[in-house]
Amino acid sequence: MPLKRGEKNVSANISELHRGPQYARTKAKHGKSVADKQAVAAAMHAAMPGPSMRMKKRMTM
C-alpha cells in the first residue's frame, strides 16, 4: 500500500491506511483513537516535501 506524496493526497492516504492490516492490528490492540492518530501521522509524513526541498528550505533560512 504505497502512499502518494503531496498535500492534496492526505485524505486518500488516510483512507488507504484505514483499509490496511496495520490499522486493524493497532485498533485491536490499542483502540480506534490511537489507530486513527497513527494513520493521520503517517499520511501527514507522506505529504511532507522530499529531502531536497527540506534542505533548500534550511539553506535559505
C-alpha atoms as a PDB file:
ATOM      1  CA  MET A   1       0.000   0.000   0.000  1.00  0.00           C
ATOM      2  CA  PRO A   2       2.253   2.796  -1.228  1.00  0.00           C
ATOM      3  CA  LEU A   3       1.228   6.257  -0.093  1.00  0.00           C
ATOM      4  CA  LYS A   4       1.059   9.151  -2.528  1.00  0.00           C
ATOM      5  CA  ARG A   5       3.208  12.216  -2.000  1.00  0.00           C
ATOM      6  CA  GLY A   6       1.795  15.721  -1.707  1.00  0.00           C
ATOM      7  CA  GLU A   7      -0.661  17.634   0.448  1.00  0.00           C
ATOM      8  CA  LYS A   8      -3.593  17.022  -1.871  1.00  0.00           C
ATOM      9  CA  ASN A   9      -3.359  13.261  -1.243  1.00  0.00           C
ATOM     10  CA  VAL A  10      -3.600  13.284   2.569  1.00  0.00           C
ATOM     11  CA  SER A  11      -7.242  12.219   2.648  1.00  0.00           C
ATOM     12  CA  ALA A  12      -6.667   9.427   0.136  1.00  0.00           C
ATOM     13  CA  ASN A  13      -3.666   8.225   2.129  1.00  0.00           C
ATOM     14  CA  ILE A  14      -5.666   8.120   5.369  1.00  0.00           C
ATOM     15  CA  SER A  15      -8.368   6.095   3.620  1.00  0.00           C
ATOM     16  CA  GLU A  16      -5.713   3.744   2.254  1.00  0.00           C
ATOM     17  CA  LEU A  17      -4.232   3.253   5.715  1.00  0.00           C
ATOM     18  CA  HIS A  18      -7.661   2.531   7.224  1.00  0.00           C
ATOM     19  CA  ARG A  19      -8.021  -0.437   4.884  1.00  0.00           C
ATOM     20  CA  GLY A  20      -4.636  -1.938   5.782  1.00  0.00           C
ATOM     21  CA  PRO A  21      -3.730  -4.737   8.196  1.00  0.00           C
ATOM     22  CA  GLN A  22      -1.550  -2.477  10.371  1.00  0.00           C
ATOM     23  CA  TYR A  23      -4.541  -0.253  11.160  1.00  0.00           C
ATOM     24  CA  ALA A  24      -6.653  -3.277  12.135  1.00  0.00           C
ATOM     25  CA  ARG A  25      -3.888  -4.632  14.364  1.00  0.00           C
ATOM     26  CA  THR A  26      -3.324  -1.281  16.087  1.00  0.00           C
ATOM     27  CA  LYS A  27      -7.075  -0.765  16.519  1.00  0.00           C
ATOM     28  CA  ALA A  28      -7.484  -4.189  18.149  1.00  0.00           C
ATOM     29  CA  LYS A  29      -4.511  -3.726  20.440  1.00  0.00           C
ATOM     30  CA  HIS A  30      -4.690  -0.036  21.409  1.00  0.00           C
ATOM     31  CA  GLY A  31      -8.113   1.248  20.363  1.00  0.00           C
ATOM     32  CA  LYS A  32      -9.595   3.222  17.498  1.00  0.00           C
ATOM     33  CA  SER A  33      -8.333   6.654  18.553  1.00  0.00           C
ATOM     34  CA  VAL A  34      -4.694   5.543  18.655  1.00  0.00           C
ATOM     35  CA  ALA A  35      -5.036   3.786  15.294  1.00  0.00           C
ATOM     36  CA  ASP A  36      -6.611   6.924  13.781  1.00  0.00           C
ATOM     37  CA  LYS A  37      -3.817   9.132  15.127  1.00  0.00           C
ATOM     38  CA  GLN A  38      -1.215   6.747  13.707  1.00  0.00           C
ATOM     39  CA  ALA A  39      -2.898   6.784  10.295  1.00  0.00           C
ATOM     40  CA  VAL A  40      -3.051  10.596  10.242  1.00  0.00           C
ATOM     41  CA  ALA A  41       0.605  10.873  11.303  1.00  0.00           C
ATOM     42  CA  ALA A  42       1.716   8.503   8.541  1.00  0.00           C
ATOM     43  CA  ALA A  43      -0.374  10.342   5.943  1.00  0.00           C
ATOM     44  CA  MET A  44       0.988  13.730   7.014  1.00  0.00           C
ATOM     45  CA  HIS A  45       4.545  12.387   6.916  1.00  0.00           C
ATOM     46  CA  ALA A  46       3.997  11.192   3.341  1.00  0.00           C
ATOM     47  CA  ALA A  47       2.670  14.660   2.437  1.00  0.00           C
ATOM     48  CA  MET A  48       5.879  16.357   3.552  1.00  0.00           C
ATOM     49  CA  PRO A  49       8.205  17.631   0.841  1.00  0.00           C
ATOM     50  CA  GLY A  50      11.112  15.398  -0.097  1.00  0.00           C
ATOM     51  CA  PRO A  51      14.607  15.716   1.374  1.00  0.00           C
ATOM     52  CA  SER A  52      15.801  18.038  -1.375  1.00  0.00           C
ATOM     53  CA  MET A  53      13.028  20.550  -0.630  1.00  0.00           C
ATOM     54  CA  ARG A  54      13.726  20.443   3.120  1.00  0.00           C
ATOM     55  CA  MET A  55      17.440  21.030   2.500  1.00  0.00           C
ATOM     56  CA  LYS A  56      16.730  24.007   0.230  1.00  0.00           C
ATOM     57  CA  LYS A  57      14.423  25.470   2.877  1.00  0.00           C
ATOM     58  CA  ARG A  58      17.124  25.108   5.558  1.00  0.00           C
ATOM     59  CA  MET A  59      19.768  26.755   3.385  1.00  0.00           C
ATOM     60  CA  THR A  60      17.618  29.805   2.700  1.00  0.00           C
ATOM     61  CA  MET A  61      16.815  30.433   6.354  1.00  0.00           C
END
